[in-house]
Amino acid sequence: MAGHSKWKNIQHRKNRQDAARGKTFTKISREIFVAARQGGGDPSANQRLRLAVSKAREANMPNDNIERTIKKALGALDGVTYEEITYEGYGPAGVAVLVEVLTDNRNRTAADVRHIFSKHGGNLGASGCVAWMFARKGTLVVNRADTTLDEDHLLMLALEAGAEDFAAEEETYDVTTAPEQFEQVKEALSEEGVTFARAEIAMEPENTVTLSGDDATKMLKLIDALEDNDDVQNVYANFELDEEALQQHSAN
């Protein structure tokens, strides 16, 4: 999954560069809203809310925005109600795609997602058609340049804290955890001064296909179009890019 990991890291850097855009704040606010509505407004007792607030702060969202969204979720302020839906489908070359959305209009969102798939060489599938290819995992990515710890020390710390896997890539160390162990491992590494380029619980593919040329270009356009939709929160797909496509995407 090294190529997929590299693509995700490139994508994360792009997202951070775009973090000042209102669309990013809108997506994060919806995640905070649903997390607080489902699990309460105390981040210390609500893991999903805690992760959403962390994402908001990473994107430099003002605290007033965060607090106002939580109050709306708890009914202290008037607001809309969002529904969580996961769409499944296929992209170019049969790539499996999961799309997580938060929407206040199921019919509108379904039509939009179906249109995006069709426009970019994919097709929306039935519920369950690709979900079995993914597993929810915690991911902690550490830039080699941002840590003074050597690989062996970091590996030992991660595994002792409960990590499932550790991969040394060219520019990063990638730590994988079970969702239940994510915060435990993150806290253990943080206590040793480790900072993270990416820290999230997400759906990871069990296996991947490698794309090149036109298939890679079409797939990336599909991902970008889905992520540009206001209702879409997360997009997961089981592909890697070949070296040429990876370099081209990184340059862009």
Protein backbone atom coordinates (compact mmCIF):
# COMPACT_ATOMS: atom_id res chain seq x y z
CA MET A 1 0.00 0.00 0.00
CA ALA A 2 3.03 2.27 -0.21
CA GLY A 3 1.89 4.03 -3.36
CA HIS A 4 -1.59 4.59 -1.95
CA SER A 5 -0.04 5.96 1.22
CA LYS A 6 2.09 8.39 -0.75
CA TRP A 7 -0.94 9.58 -2.68
CA LYS A 8 -2.88 10.08 0.56
CA ASN A 9 -0.03 12.12 2.01
CA ILE A 10 0.12 14.31 -1.10
CA GLN A 11 -3.65 14.73 -0.90
CA HIS A 12 -3.43 15.68 2.78
CA ARG A 13 -0.85 18.39 2.02
CA LYS A 14 -3.18 19.78 -0.65
CA ASN A 15 -6.08 19.77 1.80
CA ARG A 16 -4.02 21.71 4.33
CA GLN A 17 -3.11 24.28 1.69
CA ASP A 18 -6.83 24.67 0.90
CA ALA A 19 -7.86 24.78 4.56
CA ALA A 20 -8.71 28.49 4.52
CA ARG A 21 -11.53 27.88 2.06
CA GLY A 22 -15.05 28.10 3.43
CA LYS A 23 -15.93 24.73 1.91
CA THR A 24 -13.43 23.00 4.17
CA PHE A 25 -14.94 24.67 7.25
CA THR A 26 -18.42 23.61 6.11
CA LYS A 27 -17.43 19.95 5.86
CA ILE A 28 -15.71 19.96 9.25
CA SER A 29 -18.65 21.77 10.86
CA ARG A 30 -21.01 19.04 9.65
CA GLU A 31 -18.75 16.36 11.11
CA ILE A 32 -18.66 18.20 14.45
CA PHE A 33 -22.45 18.59 14.34
CA VAL A 34 -23.15 14.89 13.78
CA ALA A 35 -20.49 13.78 16.28
CA ALA A 36 -21.94 16.02 19.01
CA ARG A 37 -25.54 15.06 18.15
CA GLN A 38 -24.74 11.35 18.44
CA GLY A 39 -22.27 11.27 21.31
CA GLY A 40 -22.72 14.47 23.30
CA GLY A 41 -20.86 17.75 23.38
CA ASP A 42 -17.94 16.78 25.61
CA PRO A 43 -14.89 15.93 23.45
CA SER A 44 -13.20 14.11 26.34
CA ALA A 45 -16.06 11.58 26.38
CA ASN A 46 -16.77 11.51 22.64
CA GLN A 47 -13.95 10.18 20.44
CA ARG A 48 -15.58 11.13 17.17
CA LEU A 49 -16.12 14.70 18.36
CA ARG A 50 -12.58 14.84 19.69
CA LEU A 51 -11.19 13.85 16.28
CA ALA A 52 -13.46 16.33 14.49
CA VAL A 53 -12.41 19.20 16.77
CA SER A 54 -8.77 18.27 16.25
CA LYS A 55 -9.31 18.41 12.48
CA ALA A 56 -11.00 21.80 12.86
CA ARG A 57 -8.09 23.23 14.81
CA GLU A 58 -5.62 21.87 12.29
CA ALA A 59 -7.57 23.77 9.63
CA ASN A 60 -7.43 26.92 11.80
CA MET A 61 -11.19 27.04 12.34
CA PRO A 62 -12.05 29.68 14.98
CA ASN A 63 -13.11 28.32 18.37
CA ASP A 64 -16.37 30.31 18.14
CA ASN A 65 -17.31 28.32 15.04
CA ILE A 66 -16.58 25.03 16.80
CA GLU A 67 -18.55 25.95 19.92
CA ARG A 68 -21.50 27.31 17.93
CA THR A 69 -21.71 24.09 15.89
CA ILE A 70 -21.72 21.96 19.04
CA LYS A 71 -24.48 24.12 20.55
CA LYS A 72 -26.56 23.69 17.38
CA ALA A 73 -26.14 19.94 17.58
CA LEU A 74 -27.29 19.89 21.18
CA GLY A 75 -30.37 21.98 20.37
CA ALA A 76 -29.20 25.20 22.02
CA LEU A 77 -29.37 26.97 18.64
CA ASP A 78 -31.63 26.45 15.64
CA GLY A 79 -30.06 24.40 12.86
CA VAL A 80 -30.62 21.73 10.25
CA THR A 81 -30.26 18.00 10.79
CA TYR A 82 -27.79 15.99 8.73
CA GLU A 83 -28.12 12.37 7.68
CA GLU A 84 -25.10 10.07 7.28
CA ILE A 85 -25.03 7.99 4.10
CA THR A 86 -22.30 5.89 2.49
CA TYR A 87 -22.38 5.42 -1.29
CA GLU A 88 -20.43 2.66 -3.01
CA GLY A 89 -19.32 2.40 -6.61
CA TYR A 90 -16.59 1.84 -9.14
CA GLY A 91 -14.18 4.21 -10.80
CA PRO A 92 -12.07 3.79 -13.94
CA ALA A 93 -10.40 0.36 -14.28
CA GLY A 94 -12.83 -1.07 -11.72
CA VAL A 95 -11.40 0.83 -8.73
CA ALA A 96 -13.59 0.41 -5.63
CA VAL A 97 -14.84 3.71 -4.19
CA LEU A 98 -16.55 4.53 -0.89
CA VAL A 99 -18.13 7.97 -0.45
CA GLU A 100 -19.22 9.14 3.01
CA VAL A 101 -21.66 12.06 3.03
CA LEU A 102 -23.53 14.22 5.50
CA THR A 103 -26.62 15.69 3.87
CA ASP A 104 -29.84 17.50 4.69
CA ASN A 105 -31.37 16.32 1.39
CA ARG A 106 -30.88 12.64 0.54
CA ASN A 107 -32.43 12.87 -2.94
CA ARG A 108 -30.28 15.81 -4.01
CA THR A 109 -27.09 14.18 -2.82
CA ALA A 110 -27.84 10.81 -4.42
CA ALA A 111 -28.44 12.49 -7.77
CA ASP A 112 -25.26 14.56 -7.46
CA VAL A 113 -23.06 11.59 -6.53
CA ARG A 114 -24.52 9.43 -9.32
CA HIS A 115 -23.89 12.21 -11.85
CA ILE A 116 -20.26 12.66 -10.71
CA PHE A 117 -19.54 8.94 -11.05
CA SER A 118 -21.10 8.82 -14.52
CA LYS A 119 -19.34 11.97 -15.75
CA HIS A 120 -15.90 10.68 -14.76
CA GLY A 121 -16.02 7.14 -16.11
CA GLY A 122 -17.41 5.36 -13.06
CA ASN A 123 -20.74 4.05 -11.89
CA LEU A 124 -22.64 4.02 -8.62
CA GLY A 125 -23.24 0.53 -7.23
CA ALA A 126 -25.55 -1.16 -4.77
CA SER A 127 -25.02 -1.01 -1.03
CA GLY A 128 -22.39 -3.54 0.01
CA CYS A 129 -20.80 -3.94 -3.42
CA VAL A 130 -17.35 -2.68 -2.35
CA ALA A 131 -17.51 -2.04 1.41
CA TRP A 132 -16.14 -5.54 2.08
CA MET A 133 -12.86 -4.49 0.46
CA PHE A 134 -12.17 -1.91 3.20
CA ALA A 135 -11.50 -1.96 6.94
CA ARG A 136 -11.60 0.95 9.37
CA LYS A 137 -8.10 1.67 10.67
CA GLY A 138 -6.23 4.37 12.53
CA THR A 139 -3.39 5.97 10.57
CA LEU A 140 -0.56 8.06 11.98
CA VAL A 141 1.92 9.50 9.48
CA VAL A 142 5.18 11.00 10.70
CA ASN A 143 7.43 12.98 8.36
CA ARG A 144 11.00 11.74 8.72
CA ALA A 145 12.22 15.34 8.59
CA ASP A 146 10.01 16.28 11.56
CA THR A 147 11.31 13.79 14.13
CA THR A 148 14.64 13.23 15.84
CA LEU A 149 13.74 9.64 16.73
CA ASP A 150 15.39 6.93 14.67
CA GLU A 151 13.34 4.26 12.93
CA ASP A 152 14.00 1.49 15.47
CA HIS A 153 13.03 3.69 18.43
CA LEU A 154 9.85 4.89 16.77
CA LEU A 155 8.94 1.33 15.77
CA MET A 156 9.41 0.11 19.34
CA LEU A 157 7.33 2.95 20.78
CA ALA A 158 4.50 2.36 18.31
CA LEU A 159 4.32 -1.40 18.80
CA GLU A 160 4.58 -1.19 22.58
CA ALA A 161 1.69 1.30 22.58
CA GLY A 162 -0.50 -1.12 20.64
CA ALA A 163 0.08 -0.36 16.94
CA GLU A 164 -0.79 -3.11 14.44
CA ASP A 165 1.74 -2.22 11.76
CA PHE A 166 4.67 0.09 11.02
CA ALA A 167 6.03 0.98 7.57
CA ALA A 168 9.13 3.03 6.80
CA GLU A 169 8.56 4.92 3.55
CA GLU A 170 10.97 7.19 1.70
CA GLU A 171 9.74 10.38 3.38
CA THR A 172 7.50 9.12 6.17
CA TYR A 173 6.90 6.56 8.87
CA ASP A 174 3.35 5.16 8.64
CA VAL A 175 1.78 3.66 11.77
CA THR A 176 -1.44 1.63 11.54
CA THR A 177 -3.69 0.91 14.51
CA ALA A 178 -7.05 -0.61 15.31
CA PRO A 179 -9.59 2.21 15.80
CA GLU A 180 -9.81 1.39 19.51
CA GLN A 181 -6.04 1.79 19.95
CA PHE A 182 -5.67 4.94 17.83
CA GLU A 183 -5.68 7.54 20.60
CA GLN A 184 -3.56 5.38 22.89
CA VAL A 185 -0.83 5.06 20.26
CA LYS A 186 -1.10 8.71 19.25
CA GLU A 187 -0.76 9.87 22.86
CA ALA A 188 2.21 7.58 23.50
CA LEU A 189 4.08 8.95 20.49
CA SER A 190 3.08 12.54 21.27
CA GLU A 191 4.56 12.21 24.75
CA GLU A 192 7.89 11.46 23.07
CA GLY A 193 7.68 14.68 21.06
CA VAL A 194 6.41 13.10 17.84
CA THR A 195 4.23 15.30 15.61
CA PHE A 196 2.02 13.98 12.84
CA ALA A 197 1.61 14.94 9.21
CA ARG A 198 -1.65 12.99 9.22
CA ALA A 199 -3.62 11.42 12.06
CA GLU A 200 -7.04 9.97 11.35
CA ILE A 201 -9.34 6.99 11.55
CA ALA A 202 -10.37 6.07 8.04
CA MET A 203 -11.40 3.25 5.74
CA GLU A 204 -8.30 1.53 4.33
CA PRO A 205 -8.41 -0.91 1.40
CA GLU A 206 -7.44 -4.52 2.02
CA ASN A 207 -5.72 -4.61 -1.38
CA THR A 208 -5.11 -2.15 -4.22
CA VAL A 209 -4.82 -1.85 -7.98
CA THR A 210 -2.12 0.27 -9.64
CA LEU A 211 -3.24 2.94 -12.12
CA SER A 212 -1.24 4.69 -14.81
CA GLY A 213 -1.83 6.99 -17.77
CA ASP A 214 -5.43 7.90 -18.63
CA ASP A 215 -6.90 5.66 -15.92
CA ALA A 216 -4.89 7.50 -13.25
CA THR A 217 -5.92 10.90 -14.61
CA LYS A 218 -9.61 9.94 -14.78
CA MET A 219 -9.54 8.46 -11.28
CA LEU A 220 -7.99 11.57 -9.76
CA LYS A 221 -10.57 13.75 -11.52
CA LEU A 222 -13.33 11.55 -10.08
CA ILE A 223 -11.88 11.88 -6.57
CA ASP A 224 -11.51 15.66 -6.92
CA ALA A 225 -15.08 16.04 -8.22
CA LEU A 226 -16.51 13.99 -5.37
CA GLU A 227 -14.51 15.86 -2.72
CA ASP A 228 -15.60 19.18 -4.23
CA ASN A 229 -19.24 18.35 -3.47
CA ASP A 230 -20.42 20.14 -0.33
CA ASP A 231 -22.17 17.05 1.03
CA VAL A 232 -19.21 14.70 0.66
CA GLN A 233 -17.10 14.26 3.80
CA ASN A 234 -14.68 11.49 2.84
CA VAL A 235 -13.74 9.52 -0.27
CA TYR A 236 -11.86 6.21 -0.07
CA ALA A 237 -10.61 4.15 -3.02
CA ASN A 238 -8.45 1.06 -3.44
CA PHE A 239 -5.86 2.31 -5.89
CA GLU A 240 -2.20 3.20 -6.08
CA LEU A 241 -0.54 5.42 -8.66
CA ASP A 242 2.44 4.23 -10.65
CA GLU A 243 5.61 6.26 -10.20
CA GLU A 244 5.04 8.50 -13.24
CA ALA A 245 1.48 9.35 -12.25
CA LEU A 246 2.52 9.88 -8.63
CA GLN A 247 5.23 12.35 -9.61
CA GLN A 248 2.87 14.20 -11.94
CA HIS A 249 0.19 14.50 -9.26
CA SER A 250 2.74 15.60 -6.66
CA ALA A 251 4.00 18.34 -8.99
CA ASN A 252 0.45 19.63 -9.46
